[in-house]
Protein backbone atom coordinates (compact mmCIF):
# COMPACT_ATOMS: atom_id res chain seq x y z
CA MET A 1 -20.61 -9.22 -19.19
CA LYS A 2 -22.08 -12.53 -20.08
CA ARG A 3 -25.66 -13.32 -20.96
CA TRP A 4 -27.95 -12.16 -18.18
CA ALA A 5 -29.91 -15.38 -18.16
CA MET A 6 -26.85 -17.37 -17.15
CA GLY A 7 -27.98 -17.11 -13.58
CA ILE A 8 -30.93 -19.36 -14.34
CA LEU A 9 -28.50 -22.12 -15.29
CA VAL A 10 -26.18 -21.78 -12.32
CA ILE A 11 -28.02 -24.28 -10.13
CA MET A 12 -27.82 -27.02 -12.76
CA LEU A 13 -24.21 -26.26 -13.62
CA LEU A 14 -23.10 -26.44 -10.00
CA LEU A 15 -24.20 -30.09 -9.77
CA SER A 16 -20.80 -30.90 -11.25
CA LEU A 17 -18.95 -29.09 -8.45
CA ILE A 18 -19.67 -31.38 -5.51
CA GLY A 19 -16.27 -33.00 -5.82
CA CYS A 20 -14.53 -29.61 -5.70
CA SER A 21 -16.47 -28.34 -2.69
CA THR A 22 -14.98 -28.32 0.79
CA SER A 23 -18.41 -28.97 2.29
CA ALA A 24 -20.41 -32.17 2.51
CA VAL A 25 -23.50 -30.21 1.47
CA PRO A 26 -24.12 -30.49 -2.28
CA ALA A 27 -22.93 -27.45 -4.22
CA GLU A 28 -26.35 -26.49 -5.50
CA GLU A 29 -27.75 -26.56 -1.96
CA GLN A 30 -24.86 -24.40 -0.79
CA LEU A 31 -25.71 -21.87 -3.48
CA ASP A 32 -29.40 -21.91 -2.56
CA GLN A 33 -28.47 -21.37 1.06
CA LYS A 34 -26.16 -18.46 0.20
CA THR A 35 -28.84 -16.88 -1.95
CA GLU A 36 -31.44 -17.07 0.81
CA GLU A 37 -28.98 -15.62 3.31
CA ALA A 38 -28.28 -12.75 0.92
CA LYS A 39 -31.97 -11.93 0.71
CA THR A 40 -32.27 -11.58 4.47
CA LYS A 41 -28.91 -10.02 5.33
CA GLY A 42 -28.49 -7.45 2.55
CA PRO A 43 -25.12 -6.34 1.19
CA ALA A 44 -22.10 -6.55 3.49
CA THR A 45 -20.19 -3.36 4.24
CA ARG A 46 -16.52 -2.67 4.93
CA GLU A 47 -17.56 -1.15 8.25
CA ASP A 48 -19.11 -4.49 9.28
CA GLN A 49 -15.91 -6.25 8.37
CA SER A 50 -13.66 -3.80 10.19
CA LYS A 51 -15.47 -4.59 13.44
CA LYS A 52 -14.44 -8.24 13.08
CA THR A 53 -10.77 -7.74 12.25
CA GLU A 54 -7.72 -5.68 12.95
CA GLU A 55 -4.83 -4.92 10.68
CA SER A 56 -1.53 -6.77 10.94
CA ASP A 57 1.80 -5.75 9.44
CA GLY A 58 2.51 -9.34 8.49
CA HIS A 59 3.13 -10.38 4.90
CA VAL A 60 0.59 -12.41 2.97
CA GLU A 61 1.90 -15.95 2.77
CA ASN A 62 0.00 -17.10 -0.34
CA LEU A 63 -2.50 -14.99 -2.29
CA ILE A 64 -4.75 -17.27 -4.36
CA ILE A 65 -6.28 -15.65 -7.44
CA GLY A 66 -9.02 -17.23 -9.55
CA THR A 67 -9.34 -16.55 -13.25
CA GLY A 68 -11.32 -17.69 -16.27
CA ALA A 69 -8.28 -17.60 -18.59
CA GLU A 70 -6.32 -20.79 -19.21
CA ASN A 71 -2.95 -21.58 -17.61
CA ASN A 72 -1.24 -22.92 -20.74
CA ILE A 73 1.01 -20.26 -22.29
CA PHE A 74 3.93 -18.74 -20.34
CA ASN A 75 5.46 -16.36 -22.85
CA SER A 76 5.90 -12.76 -21.71
CA GLN A 77 5.22 -11.54 -25.25
CA VAL A 78 1.75 -13.11 -25.42
CA GLN A 79 -1.33 -11.88 -23.54
CA SER A 80 -3.88 -14.54 -24.53
CA ASP A 81 -3.69 -16.75 -21.41
CA ALA A 82 -3.79 -16.18 -17.65
CA PHE A 83 -0.05 -15.50 -17.40
CA GLY A 84 -0.14 -12.80 -20.05
CA ARG A 85 -3.31 -11.19 -18.72
CA MET A 86 -1.94 -11.11 -15.16
CA ASN A 87 1.07 -9.24 -16.49
CA TYR A 88 -1.20 -6.32 -17.31
CA ASN A 89 -0.75 -5.92 -13.55
CA GLY A 90 3.05 -6.21 -13.62
CA LEU A 91 3.14 -9.61 -11.89
CA THR A 92 6.35 -11.02 -13.40
CA GLN A 93 7.27 -8.24 -15.83
CA GLY A 94 8.75 -4.81 -15.23
CA ASN A 95 5.92 -2.77 -16.74
CA PHE A 96 7.10 0.77 -17.37
CA VAL A 97 4.10 2.48 -15.73
CA TYR A 98 0.56 1.61 -14.68
CA VAL A 99 -2.82 3.35 -14.68
CA ASP A 100 -4.31 3.99 -11.24
CA GLU A 101 -7.95 4.16 -10.14
CA ASN A 102 -8.21 7.75 -11.39
CA ASN A 103 -6.87 6.92 -14.89
CA ASP A 104 -3.58 8.64 -14.09
CA LEU A 105 -0.20 7.15 -15.04
CA GLN A 106 1.99 6.13 -12.10
CA PRO A 107 5.65 5.01 -11.93
CA TYR A 108 6.47 1.29 -11.94
CA PHE A 109 9.74 0.24 -13.58
CA PHE A 110 10.04 3.85 -14.68
CA ARG A 111 10.74 5.46 -11.31
CA SER A 112 9.91 8.85 -12.83
CA PHE A 113 9.01 10.13 -16.28
CA GLU A 114 8.65 13.52 -17.95
CA ILE A 115 7.49 14.46 -21.44
CA SER A 116 8.97 17.47 -23.21
CA GLU A 117 6.69 20.35 -24.11
CA ASP A 118 6.86 19.53 -27.81
CA GLY A 119 6.04 15.86 -27.16
CA THR A 120 9.16 14.49 -28.89
CA LYS A 121 11.15 13.46 -25.81
CA LEU A 122 10.45 11.22 -22.84
CA VAL A 123 12.96 11.37 -20.00
CA PHE A 124 12.73 8.52 -17.50
CA THR A 125 14.66 7.06 -14.60
CA PHE A 126 14.92 3.38 -13.75
CA PRO A 127 16.00 1.24 -10.78
CA LYS A 128 19.72 0.48 -10.51
CA ASP A 129 19.36 -2.82 -8.65
CA ALA A 130 16.54 -4.64 -10.48
CA VAL A 131 17.29 -8.26 -11.40
CA TRP A 132 16.02 -10.75 -13.94
CA HIS A 133 14.48 -13.87 -12.48
CA ASP A 134 17.49 -15.93 -13.54
CA GLY A 135 19.69 -13.77 -11.31
CA LYS A 136 21.27 -11.53 -13.95
CA PRO A 137 21.10 -7.77 -13.30
CA VAL A 138 18.89 -5.57 -15.48
CA SER A 139 21.31 -3.51 -17.57
CA LYS A 140 21.22 -0.42 -19.74
CA GLU A 141 21.76 -2.75 -22.67
CA ASP A 142 18.51 -4.52 -21.78
CA ILE A 143 16.64 -1.22 -21.75
CA SER A 144 17.97 0.02 -25.09
CA PHE A 145 17.44 -3.44 -26.61
CA THR A 146 13.82 -3.36 -25.46
CA PHE A 147 12.93 -0.27 -27.45
CA GLU A 148 14.78 -1.47 -30.55
CA TYR A 149 13.01 -4.85 -30.32
CA MET A 150 9.58 -3.28 -29.91
CA ARG A 151 10.16 -0.90 -32.82
CA ASP A 152 12.00 -3.18 -35.27
CA VAL A 153 10.80 -6.72 -34.47
CA LYS A 154 7.37 -6.30 -32.91
CA LYS A 155 6.59 -3.29 -35.11
CA VAL A 156 4.80 -1.40 -32.34
CA GLY A 157 2.99 1.37 -34.21
CA SER A 158 3.36 3.97 -31.45
CA LEU A 159 7.15 3.54 -31.62
CA LYS A 160 7.55 3.74 -35.39
CA ASN A 161 8.87 7.31 -35.04
CA LEU A 162 11.32 6.45 -32.23
CA VAL A 163 14.75 7.78 -33.19
CA SER A 164 16.90 6.85 -30.21
CA CYS A 165 17.21 5.73 -26.61
CA GLU A 166 20.13 7.58 -25.03
CA PHE A 167 21.38 7.29 -21.44
CA THR A 168 21.78 10.70 -19.88
CA GLY A 169 22.73 9.61 -16.36
CA GLU A 170 23.56 6.63 -14.18
CA ASN A 171 19.90 5.61 -14.06
CA GLU A 172 18.33 8.05 -16.55
CA ALA A 173 17.52 7.75 -20.24
CA THR A 174 15.81 9.81 -22.94
CA LEU A 175 13.62 8.51 -25.73
CA THR A 176 13.58 10.82 -28.75
CA PHE A 177 10.84 10.69 -31.40
CA SER A 178 10.79 12.37 -34.82
CA GLU A 179 7.12 13.22 -34.19
CA PRO A 180 5.34 14.29 -30.95
CA ASP A 181 4.60 10.65 -30.02
CA ALA A 182 5.91 10.44 -26.44
CA TYR A 183 2.57 11.03 -24.69
CA TYR A 184 0.78 8.79 -27.20
CA TRP A 185 3.19 5.89 -26.69
CA LEU A 186 3.27 6.18 -22.93
CA ASN A 187 -0.52 6.21 -22.62
CA SER A 188 -1.68 3.90 -25.37
CA SER A 189 0.98 1.21 -25.19
CA THR A 190 2.81 1.21 -21.91
CA ALA A 191 -0.13 1.43 -19.57
CA ASN A 192 -1.20 -2.19 -20.04
CA THR A 193 1.51 -4.29 -21.60
CA ALA A 194 4.88 -2.66 -22.38
CA HIS A 195 7.78 -3.75 -20.21
CA VAL A 196 11.53 -4.17 -20.30
CA TYR A 197 12.91 -7.29 -22.05
CA PRO A 198 15.96 -9.41 -21.12
CA LYS A 199 18.31 -9.09 -24.09
CA HIS A 200 20.01 -12.43 -23.36
CA ILE A 201 16.68 -14.21 -23.97
CA TRP A 202 14.95 -12.33 -26.78
CA GLU A 203 17.88 -11.23 -28.93
CA GLY A 204 17.57 -13.00 -32.27
CA VAL A 205 14.03 -14.26 -31.66
CA GLU A 206 11.94 -13.08 -34.58
CA ASP A 207 8.82 -15.24 -34.16
CA TYR A 208 8.30 -14.11 -30.58
CA ARG A 209 4.66 -15.21 -30.37
CA GLU A 210 5.59 -18.86 -30.94
CA TYR A 211 8.55 -18.96 -28.56
CA THR A 212 8.15 -21.91 -26.17
CA GLY A 213 11.36 -21.79 -24.13
CA GLU A 214 10.83 -21.85 -20.37
CA ASP A 215 12.97 -18.72 -20.09
CA GLY A 216 10.26 -16.86 -22.05
CA ALA A 217 8.48 -16.24 -18.76
CA ILE A 218 11.46 -14.48 -17.18
CA GLY A 219 11.00 -10.85 -16.28
CA CYS A 220 12.15 -8.34 -13.69
CA GLY A 221 8.79 -7.92 -12.00
CA PRO A 222 8.07 -8.45 -8.29
CA PHE A 223 7.31 -12.18 -8.76
CA LYS A 224 8.91 -15.04 -10.67
CA LEU A 225 7.21 -18.14 -12.02
CA VAL A 226 8.30 -21.19 -9.99
CA SER A 227 5.84 -23.88 -11.09
CA ARG A 228 3.15 -24.56 -13.66
CA ASP A 229 0.72 -27.44 -14.00
CA LYS A 230 -1.47 -27.55 -17.09
CA ASP A 231 -3.43 -30.54 -15.79
CA SER A 232 -4.60 -28.71 -12.67
CA GLN A 233 -4.53 -25.34 -14.50
CA THR A 234 -2.38 -23.81 -11.75
CA SER A 235 0.72 -21.64 -11.76
CA VAL A 236 2.72 -20.43 -8.74
CA TYR A 237 4.87 -17.33 -8.32
CA GLU A 238 7.34 -16.33 -5.59
CA ALA A 239 8.37 -12.82 -4.57
CA VAL A 240 11.68 -11.37 -5.77
CA PRO A 241 12.59 -8.95 -2.95
CA GLU A 242 15.20 -7.11 -5.06
CA ASN A 243 12.48 -5.89 -7.44
CA ASN A 244 10.80 -3.68 -4.87
CA TYR A 245 11.06 -0.55 -7.02
CA ALA A 246 7.33 0.14 -6.53
CA GLY A 247 7.44 -0.47 -2.78
CA GLU A 248 8.08 -3.33 -0.38
CA ILE A 249 6.58 -6.54 -1.76
CA SER A 250 4.05 -7.62 0.86
CA ILE A 251 3.06 -10.98 -0.62
CA ASP A 252 5.40 -13.96 -0.44
CA ARG A 253 3.65 -16.19 -2.96
CA VAL A 254 0.88 -15.90 -5.56
CA THR A 255 -1.10 -18.87 -6.82
CA LEU A 256 -3.06 -18.41 -10.05
CA GLN A 257 -5.89 -20.95 -10.48
CA SER A 258 -7.95 -21.22 -13.68
CA TYR A 259 -11.64 -22.17 -13.69
CA SER A 260 -13.84 -23.34 -16.52
CA GLY A 261 -16.59 -20.81 -15.88
CA GLU A 262 -17.88 -18.03 -13.66
CA ASP A 263 -20.08 -20.37 -11.67
CA THR A 264 -17.18 -22.63 -10.65
CA LEU A 265 -14.99 -19.63 -9.88
CA MET A 266 -17.63 -18.10 -7.62
CA MET A 267 -18.25 -21.39 -5.84
CA ALA A 268 -14.52 -21.55 -5.11
CA MET A 269 -14.70 -18.05 -3.62
CA ILE A 270 -17.73 -18.93 -1.52
CA ASN A 271 -15.88 -22.00 -0.22
CA GLY A 272 -12.79 -19.94 0.61
CA GLU A 273 -10.59 -21.64 -2.00
CA ILE A 274 -9.57 -18.34 -3.63
CA ASP A 275 -9.07 -14.83 -2.25
CA ALA A 276 -9.90 -12.70 -5.30
CA MET A 277 -10.41 -12.94 -9.05
CA PHE A 278 -9.02 -11.27 -12.15
CA ASN A 279 -10.44 -11.57 -15.64
CA TYR A 280 -9.35 -8.84 -18.04
CA ALA A 281 -12.46 -7.08 -19.42
CA ASN A 282 -14.69 -9.90 -18.08
CA PRO A 283 -16.34 -9.02 -14.76
CA ILE A 284 -18.54 -11.65 -13.09
CA ASP A 285 -22.10 -11.70 -14.43
CA ALA A 286 -24.46 -9.76 -12.16
CA SER A 287 -26.92 -12.65 -11.87
CA ILE A 288 -24.20 -14.88 -10.42
CA MET A 289 -23.06 -12.11 -8.07
CA GLU A 290 -26.51 -12.05 -6.48
CA THR A 291 -25.63 -15.37 -4.81
CA VAL A 292 -23.03 -13.64 -2.59
CA PHE A 293 -24.71 -10.33 -1.83
CA GLY A 294 -24.99 -10.22 1.95
CA ASN A 295 -22.06 -12.55 2.58
CA PRO A 296 -20.01 -10.67 5.21
CA ASP A 297 -16.78 -12.28 4.00
CA ILE A 298 -17.11 -11.34 0.31
CA ASP A 299 -17.10 -7.87 -1.18
CA PRO A 300 -18.82 -7.83 -4.60
CA GLY A 301 -16.13 -5.49 -5.90
CA GLU A 302 -18.71 -3.32 -7.64
CA SER A 303 -17.63 -0.41 -9.80
CA GLU A 304 -18.56 1.53 -12.91
CA TYR A 305 -17.39 -0.30 -16.03
CA SER A 306 -15.47 1.74 -18.60
CA GLY A 307 -16.05 -0.63 -21.53
CA HIS A 308 -19.41 -1.17 -23.21
CA TYR A 309 -21.37 -2.77 -26.02
CA GLN A 310 -22.09 -0.37 -28.86
CA ILE A 311 -23.57 -0.08 -32.31
CA THR A 312 -22.01 1.54 -35.35
CA TYR A 313 -24.28 2.79 -38.11
CA GLY A 314 -23.39 1.84 -41.69
CA MET A 315 -23.22 5.29 -43.23
CA GLU A 316 -21.95 4.19 -46.64
CA ARG A 317 -25.37 2.80 -47.63
CA THR A 318 -29.06 3.40 -47.14
CA PRO A 319 -30.87 3.88 -44.83
CA CYS A 320 -28.19 4.76 -42.24
CA GLU A 321 -26.59 7.41 -44.42
CA ASP A 322 -29.64 9.46 -43.39
CA ILE A 323 -29.05 11.16 -40.02
CA GLN A 324 -32.81 11.41 -39.46
CA PHE A 325 -33.10 7.63 -39.73
CA ARG A 326 -30.15 7.09 -37.37
CA LYS A 327 -31.64 9.42 -34.77
CA ALA A 328 -34.99 7.65 -35.10
CA VAL A 329 -33.31 4.31 -34.35
CA ARG A 330 -31.53 5.87 -31.37
CA SER A 331 -34.88 7.05 -29.97
CA ALA A 332 -36.59 3.72 -30.68
CA LEU A 333 -34.13 1.52 -28.76
CA ASP A 334 -35.41 0.00 -25.52
CA TYR A 335 -32.59 0.94 -23.14
CA GLU A 336 -34.22 -0.68 -20.12
CA MET A 337 -34.35 -4.02 -21.92
CA LEU A 338 -30.82 -3.60 -23.30
CA THR A 339 -29.52 -2.93 -19.79
CA THR A 340 -31.28 -6.07 -18.55
CA VAL A 341 -29.93 -8.19 -21.39
CA ILE A 342 -26.36 -6.91 -21.16
CA SER A 343 -25.89 -6.48 -17.42
CA GLY A 344 -28.86 -8.06 -15.70
CA GLY A 345 -30.24 -4.63 -14.89
CA TYR A 346 -27.08 -3.50 -13.06
CA GLY A 347 -26.40 -0.51 -15.25
CA THR A 348 -27.94 2.57 -16.80
CA ALA A 349 -28.93 3.97 -20.17
CA PRO A 350 -25.84 5.46 -21.86
CA GLY A 351 -25.12 9.05 -22.77
CA GLY A 352 -25.07 10.30 -26.33
CA GLY A 353 -21.30 10.74 -26.21
CA VAL A 354 -20.72 6.95 -26.16
CA ILE A 355 -17.86 6.68 -23.62
CA ALA A 356 -18.63 5.82 -19.98
CA PRO A 357 -18.23 8.14 -16.96
CA THR A 358 -15.08 6.40 -15.69
CA THR A 359 -13.28 7.08 -18.99
CA LYS A 360 -10.65 9.79 -19.17
CA GLY A 361 -12.10 12.92 -20.79
CA PHE A 362 -15.76 12.03 -20.14
CA ASP A 363 -18.12 14.96 -20.75
CA PRO A 364 -20.99 14.92 -18.21
CA SER A 365 -22.84 17.70 -20.04
CA ILE A 366 -23.99 15.38 -22.85
CA PRO A 367 -27.53 14.10 -22.19
CA ILE A 368 -28.43 10.51 -21.35
CA LEU A 369 -30.25 8.66 -24.09
CA LYS A 370 -33.85 7.65 -23.50
CA THR A 371 -36.46 5.57 -25.26
CA ASP A 372 -38.96 7.80 -27.05
CA VAL A 373 -41.11 5.81 -29.47
CA GLU A 374 -43.24 8.84 -30.26
CA GLU A 375 -40.16 10.84 -31.29
CA ALA A 376 -38.85 7.90 -33.35
CA ASN A 377 -42.15 7.66 -35.24
CA ARG A 378 -42.18 11.41 -35.80
CA LEU A 379 -38.66 11.38 -37.26
CA LEU A 380 -39.47 8.45 -39.52
CA ASP A 381 -42.72 10.01 -40.75
CA GLU A 382 -41.01 13.32 -41.35
CA GLY A 383 -38.24 11.55 -43.28
CA GLY A 384 -40.74 9.90 -45.60
CA TYR A 385 -40.32 6.35 -44.24
CA LEU A 386 -43.97 5.37 -44.57
CA ASP A 387 -45.80 2.09 -45.11
CA ALA A 388 -46.32 2.43 -48.87
CA ASP A 389 -47.66 -1.08 -49.56
CA GLY A 390 -49.76 -1.57 -46.41
CA ASP A 391 -47.85 -4.63 -45.13
CA GLY A 392 -47.37 -3.10 -41.67
CA PHE A 393 -43.71 -2.12 -42.23
CA ARG A 394 -42.18 1.15 -43.30
CA ASP A 395 -40.65 1.56 -46.75
CA TYR A 396 -38.06 3.91 -48.22
CA PRO A 397 -39.31 7.37 -49.25
CA ASN A 398 -39.28 6.18 -52.88
CA GLY A 399 -41.59 3.28 -52.00
CA GLU A 400 -38.95 0.54 -52.13
CA ARG A 401 -38.95 -2.16 -49.43
CA LEU A 402 -36.98 -1.30 -46.29
CA ASP A 403 -35.26 -4.18 -44.44
CA VAL A 404 -32.43 -3.25 -42.07
CA MET A 405 -29.55 -5.72 -41.60
CA VAL A 406 -28.26 -6.14 -38.02
CA THR A 407 -24.70 -7.51 -37.77
CA PRO A 408 -23.47 -8.86 -34.41
CA GLN A 409 -19.72 -9.10 -33.97
CA PHE A 410 -18.42 -12.64 -34.36
CA SER A 411 -17.22 -13.88 -30.96
CA LYS A 412 -16.65 -17.41 -29.72
CA SER A 413 -16.99 -16.36 -26.08
CA SER A 414 -19.88 -13.86 -26.30
CA GLN A 415 -21.85 -14.84 -29.39
CA GLU A 416 -24.97 -15.80 -27.45
CA LEU A 417 -25.10 -12.41 -25.74
CA LEU A 418 -24.36 -10.55 -28.97
CA ASN A 419 -27.20 -12.42 -30.69
CA ARG A 420 -29.55 -11.58 -27.83
CA ILE A 421 -28.58 -7.91 -28.11
CA ALA A 422 -29.37 -8.15 -31.82
CA ASP A 423 -32.79 -9.63 -31.01
CA THR A 424 -33.51 -6.76 -28.61
CA ILE A 425 -32.52 -4.15 -31.19
CA MET A 426 -34.66 -5.82 -33.86
CA ALA A 427 -37.64 -5.90 -31.47
CA SER A 428 -37.18 -2.16 -30.85
CA LEU A 429 -37.11 -1.50 -34.59
CA GLY A 430 -40.26 -3.55 -35.06
CA ARG A 431 -42.14 -1.41 -32.56
CA VAL A 432 -41.74 1.60 -34.86
CA GLY A 433 -42.52 -0.34 -38.02
CA ILE A 434 -38.96 -1.04 -39.24
CA LYS A 435 -38.46 -4.51 -40.68
CA SER A 436 -35.03 -6.03 -39.94
CA HIS A 437 -33.06 -9.25 -40.27
CA ILE A 438 -29.90 -10.78 -38.82
CA ASP A 439 -26.71 -10.84 -40.90
CA GLU A 440 -26.27 -14.62 -41.23
CA GLU A 441 -23.25 -14.30 -43.54
CA SER A 442 -21.15 -12.49 -40.95
CA LEU A 443 -21.87 -15.21 -38.37
CA ARG A 444 -19.95 -17.82 -40.40
CA ASN A 445 -16.56 -16.97 -38.91
CA SER A 446 -14.46 -14.05 -37.70
CA GLU A 447 -12.77 -13.51 -41.06
CA VAL A 448 -16.08 -13.09 -42.92
CA TRP A 449 -17.42 -10.79 -40.20
CA GLU A 450 -14.34 -8.56 -40.14
CA GLN A 451 -14.12 -8.28 -43.92
CA ASN A 452 -17.78 -7.27 -44.08
CA VAL A 453 -17.35 -4.52 -41.49
CA ILE A 454 -14.11 -3.30 -43.10
CA ASP A 455 -15.99 -3.10 -46.40
CA GLY A 456 -18.84 -1.19 -44.71
CA LYS A 457 -21.24 -3.98 -45.58
CA TYR A 458 -23.64 -3.43 -42.68
CA ASP A 459 -26.55 -1.27 -41.59
CA ILE A 460 -26.27 -1.64 -37.82
CA SER A 461 -23.13 -3.33 -36.50
CA ILE A 462 -22.93 -4.50 -32.86
CA GLY A 463 -19.49 -4.42 -31.24
CA TYR A 464 -17.68 -4.12 -27.93
CA THR A 465 -15.05 -1.87 -26.35
CA THR A 466 -12.97 -3.53 -23.63
CA SER A 467 -11.94 -1.70 -20.47
CA GLY A 468 -8.32 -1.69 -21.67
CA VAL A 469 -9.12 -0.01 -24.99
CA ALA A 470 -11.46 2.42 -23.21
CA ARG A 471 -8.61 3.64 -21.00
CA TYR A 472 -6.94 5.64 -23.75
CA THR A 473 -7.60 4.56 -27.33
CA SER A 474 -11.36 4.72 -26.62
CA ALA A 475 -14.39 3.37 -28.47
CA PHE A 476 -13.91 6.02 -31.13
CA ARG A 477 -11.12 3.89 -32.62
CA TYR A 478 -13.80 1.48 -33.85
CA PHE A 479 -15.76 4.24 -35.62
CA VAL A 480 -12.90 5.54 -37.78
CA ALA A 481 -13.19 4.80 -41.51
CA LEU A 482 -9.89 6.25 -42.75
CA PRO A 483 -6.32 5.27 -41.77
CA ARG A 484 -3.89 7.72 -40.20
CA PHE A 485 -1.21 6.73 -42.70
CA GLU A 486 -1.20 4.68 -45.90
CA GLY A 487 -1.18 0.95 -45.29
CA GLU A 488 -2.71 1.06 -41.82
CA GLN A 489 -5.61 -1.41 -41.62
CA THR A 490 -6.18 -2.16 -37.93
CA TRP A 491 -9.77 -1.75 -36.68
CA LEU A 492 -10.99 0.37 -39.61
CA TRP A 493 -14.54 -0.76 -38.97
CA GLY A 494 -16.33 2.60 -39.08
CA THR A 495 -18.08 4.32 -41.98
CA TYR A 496 -18.03 7.95 -40.86
CA HIS A 497 -15.83 9.72 -43.43
CA ASP A 498 -16.08 13.22 -41.99
CA GLU A 499 -12.63 14.84 -42.22
CA ASP A 500 -13.06 16.82 -39.00
CA PHE A 501 -13.94 13.67 -37.06
CA THR A 502 -11.01 11.72 -38.50
CA LYS A 503 -8.55 14.52 -37.80
CA THR A 504 -9.91 15.06 -34.27
CA PHE A 505 -9.56 11.38 -33.45
CA TYR A 506 -5.98 11.07 -34.64
CA ASP A 507 -4.99 14.42 -33.14
CA THR A 508 -6.44 13.27 -29.82
CA SER A 509 -4.59 9.95 -30.01
CA LEU A 510 -1.37 11.88 -30.69
CA ALA A 511 -1.96 14.50 -27.97
CA THR A 512 1.15 15.71 -26.16
CA ASN A 513 -0.50 16.31 -22.78
CA ASP A 514 -3.61 15.59 -20.72
CA ASP A 515 -5.34 18.87 -21.55
CA ASP A 516 -5.15 18.29 -25.31
CA TYR A 517 -6.31 14.70 -24.92
CA ILE A 518 -9.28 15.61 -22.72
CA ASN A 519 -10.35 18.47 -24.99
CA GLY A 520 -10.17 16.16 -27.99
CA MET A 521 -12.23 13.49 -26.26
CA LYS A 522 -14.91 16.02 -25.39
CA LYS A 523 -15.10 17.14 -29.01
CA LEU A 524 -15.46 13.52 -30.18
CA GLN A 525 -18.30 12.98 -27.72
CA GLN A 526 -20.10 16.06 -28.98
CA MET A 527 -19.73 14.80 -32.54
CA ALA A 528 -21.15 11.39 -31.61
CA ASN A 529 -24.13 12.97 -29.91
CA GLU A 530 -24.87 15.36 -32.77
CA GLU A 531 -24.13 13.12 -35.77
CA CYS A 532 -25.18 9.79 -34.26
CA PHE A 533 -22.63 7.74 -36.24
CA ALA A 534 -22.43 5.32 -33.30
CA GLN A 535 -23.68 4.89 -29.75
CA ALA A 536 -23.28 2.82 -26.61
CA LEU A 537 -26.12 0.48 -25.68
CA CYS A 538 -25.79 0.74 -21.90
CA TRP A 539 -23.29 1.68 -19.24
CA GLU A 540 -22.62 -1.35 -17.09
CA LYS A 541 -21.64 -2.10 -13.53
CA ALA A 542 -18.59 -4.32 -13.07
CA PHE A 543 -18.19 -6.98 -10.38
CA PHE A 544 -14.73 -8.28 -9.45
CA PRO A 545 -15.41 -9.95 -6.07
CA TYR A 546 -12.84 -10.58 -3.35
CA ARG A 547 -12.77 -11.91 0.21
CA LEU A 548 -12.64 -9.58 3.21
CA ASP A 549 -11.85 -12.03 5.98
CA ARG A 550 -8.13 -12.60 5.36
CA TYR A 551 -6.42 -9.50 4.00
CA THR A 552 -6.64 -5.73 4.05
CA GLY A 553 -5.25 -3.11 1.70
CA TRP A 554 -7.38 -4.00 -1.32
CA ARG A 555 -7.86 -1.23 -3.90
CA ASN A 556 -10.85 -1.75 -6.17
CA TYR A 557 -9.97 -0.07 -9.46
CA PRO A 558 -13.06 0.83 -11.53
CA ALA A 559 -13.66 -1.70 -14.33
CA TRP A 560 -10.51 -3.56 -13.27
CA GLY A 561 -10.87 -4.92 -9.74
CA VAL A 562 -8.63 -5.44 -6.72
CA ILE A 563 -5.94 -7.34 -8.60
CA ASN A 564 -3.87 -4.53 -10.04
CA SER A 565 -0.33 -3.22 -10.00
CA ARG A 566 -0.62 -1.99 -6.39
CA THR A 567 -1.87 -5.29 -4.94
CA TRP A 568 1.62 -6.79 -4.64
CA PHE A 569 2.75 -3.94 -2.39
CA ASP A 570 -0.38 -2.93 -0.44
CA LEU A 571 -1.96 -6.18 0.72
CA ARG A 572 -1.54 -7.18 4.38
CA ASN A 573 -2.76 -9.95 6.66
CA ILE A 574 -5.79 -9.49 8.89
CA SER A 575 -5.80 -11.03 12.36
CA PRO A 576 -9.09 -11.84 14.20
CA GLN A 577 -9.79 -9.85 17.36
């Protein structure tokens, strides 16, 4: 989510959109008009829409998707731009599997898959007639090359123990691991990004991130890239009927249009210029969504968001090494204000187990956090954090000056919101007599910030878990202080050195089945609630809006939206009655 106050600026920002509007009415007046209509009509319902339309079996001629990511990079190995992010949904690439609306893995390029009881083998089948977008057939050599390339060139950590890829049938293969990594790899890696690679393109390419050849976009997914225009920030994709291994492709063409901001994207949707939107881990700000509530042609696409903003307590230094102090801070936080700042009020106070209700393994028995200033003061008094010098602020039990450092994550896109969250936390601390200051050093650049958090040089660190990470790896990855194996450095931002916590996290990540994973996640949530080494700041609502007046068959995945791996096969035209 973006800064809640962005909605105040929308009217001014839309002055620049008159030239893009299909109406002669100025854009800001259009938005005012839509807002007033929303106030009187109330939210639209699918039942209202169904009365206006009837389903047709006809294909969708051209689905137009709006996005906030740029249309500049068309390399299937890179996820930074719109092309790469859309391939989380298997647009042009043959993703092995996908995660459905219930967080369950479903077949995609893998037509079936089965994990051995000991977790060391993954048996999968694949389509016999899939084709690369240059017309060449997808071969067994491509499949075996893919796993070797991911393990040896891309150094995918979840495949480091892969021993072999052996073909055990005409369209069947078995991956064998030296450790029980099959479930871990399939869930943590494949679900978003892993797909089969064309050997004739990527063989010999070591610096895959910098590859600029036009054939770098080729895949065996349901659509192929047919045109790109960086000036207009547009790319166009046509269906490849042969790659119907996940069902009949019901869309003939997809147009992906980039926009400079949420306000311009939403104006395009209001004007009927786009049909839906997809921004990975970036739903539309709630304040902007209020402009379309009540529009009978636009569904807000509301759902529970699985990602969240969170704080990690610096437990390698005072005062946060003291659990009583951490619990006092947790009680002092103003969750109503945090929810307003982060999500414009469209959300709730979080639970003590950190992860959100739509996350796999969520434990509903853990209580919701609440603001309790009286309890915070009691804990601080009991812990000896008193105002020793009479300056109005609490001091350490030994009488030394207490001044808590608050460290927002460095982020070019969300720094303003992160700083506002920091302000809200500091205001909450002030209400119980805790003096605090912002960590100016860590705001210099991302390298300084990351080194400081790796070194544990923080008291309260503010971070973020995306919806993709929340799906399997979970927020707990950011709270780990110790590596699983020597030399591992990725995301070691936590300061909780408890051996049981560390072992539980890695055991859960390396689970061999759903039951073990879910049980591990529940244990981690209990630890977070009891030890308070970290916490979420609010559980948000997500808005991924889409139009109702043209197509039917949308599936709104929680925290993801209606553009997902099923869209290409489920969407159908709607014909007016």
